Amino acid sequence: MKQNENKNINWITMMTMFMEFMTLQNEYNAHRIKEYKEWEDKDCMCDLCNQAIIQSSEELDPNFGEDFRGEWE
């Protein structure tokens, strides 16, 4: 019986540690999201920030320059 009780205690300890880890991971992610939102300045209208905005093309077939080559070629 003693060995069976030790396995149950180890299992409970492991699950408790996992739950604590997940709680800390969620807190860490919430902190990172908060820091990112503070860092990201959405009101900036400078040219460097505007260049980072992704724009879609109206073309049906996107074209790449002749110098563009991928590893697949």
Protein backbone atom coordinates (compact mmCIF):
# COMPACT_ATOMS: atom_id res chain seq x y z
CA MET A 1 0.00 0.00 0.00
CA LYS A 2 2.86 2.38 0.75
CA GLN A 3 4.13 2.34 -2.84
CA ASN A 4 0.64 2.97 -4.22
CA GLU A 5 0.23 5.98 -1.90
CA ASN A 6 3.59 7.37 -3.07
CA LYS A 7 2.47 7.14 -6.70
CA ASN A 8 -0.72 9.03 -5.84
CA ILE A 9 1.22 11.71 -3.98
CA ASN A 10 3.67 12.06 -6.87
CA TRP A 11 0.78 12.35 -9.31
CA ILE A 12 -0.93 15.01 -7.19
CA THR A 13 2.35 16.90 -6.80
CA MET A 14 2.96 16.78 -10.53
CA MET A 15 -0.54 18.02 -11.35
CA THR A 16 -0.23 20.83 -8.79
CA MET A 17 3.08 21.91 -10.27
CA PHE A 18 1.60 21.82 -13.78
CA MET A 19 -1.37 23.94 -12.71
CA GLU A 20 0.97 26.46 -11.07
CA PHE A 21 3.08 26.55 -14.22
CA MET A 22 0.03 27.21 -16.41
CA THR A 23 -1.14 29.99 -14.08
CA LEU A 24 2.29 31.63 -14.20
CA GLN A 25 2.43 31.20 -17.97
CA ASN A 26 -0.93 32.95 -18.34
CA GLU A 27 0.22 35.81 -16.10
CA TYR A 28 3.44 36.12 -18.10
CA ASN A 29 1.56 36.21 -21.41
CA ALA A 30 -0.84 38.85 -20.05
CA HIS A 31 2.17 40.92 -18.99
CA ARG A 32 3.78 40.56 -22.43
CA ILE A 33 0.56 41.60 -24.17
CA LYS A 34 0.26 44.63 -21.89
CA GLU A 35 3.87 45.65 -22.59
CA TYR A 36 3.37 45.21 -26.33
CA LYS A 37 0.25 47.37 -26.31
CA GLU A 38 2.13 50.08 -24.42
CA TRP A 39 5.07 49.83 -26.84
CA GLU A 40 2.97 49.85 -29.98
CA ASP A 41 2.08 53.45 -30.78
CA LYS A 42 -0.93 53.36 -33.08
CA ASP A 43 -1.14 57.14 -33.40
CA CYS A 44 2.24 57.46 -35.11
CA MET A 45 1.97 58.67 -38.69
CA CYS A 46 5.67 58.92 -39.60
CA ASP A 47 6.93 57.48 -42.89
CA LEU A 48 8.81 54.60 -41.23
CA CYS A 49 5.68 53.39 -39.47
CA ASN A 50 3.58 53.74 -42.59
CA GLN A 51 6.05 51.62 -44.57
CA ALA A 52 5.52 48.77 -42.12
CA ILE A 53 1.80 48.58 -42.94
CA ILE A 54 0.95 45.62 -45.15
CA GLN A 55 -0.86 46.61 -48.30
CA SER A 56 -2.71 44.28 -50.61
CA SER A 57 -2.46 44.46 -54.34
CA GLU A 58 -5.35 44.84 -56.74
CA GLU A 59 -3.59 42.58 -59.27
CA LEU A 60 -5.01 39.13 -59.90
CA ASP A 61 -1.58 37.56 -60.43
CA PRO A 62 1.16 38.98 -58.19
CA ASN A 63 4.42 39.65 -59.99
CA PHE A 64 7.90 39.41 -58.57
CA GLY A 65 11.03 41.08 -59.85
CA GLU A 66 13.42 39.15 -62.09
CA ASP A 67 16.03 39.08 -59.32
CA PHE A 68 13.65 37.20 -57.03
CA ARG A 69 14.55 33.54 -56.72
CA GLY A 70 13.47 31.08 -54.11
CA GLU A 71 15.18 28.05 -52.68
CA TRP A 72 12.74 25.84 -54.55
CA GLU A 73 14.30 26.69 -57.91
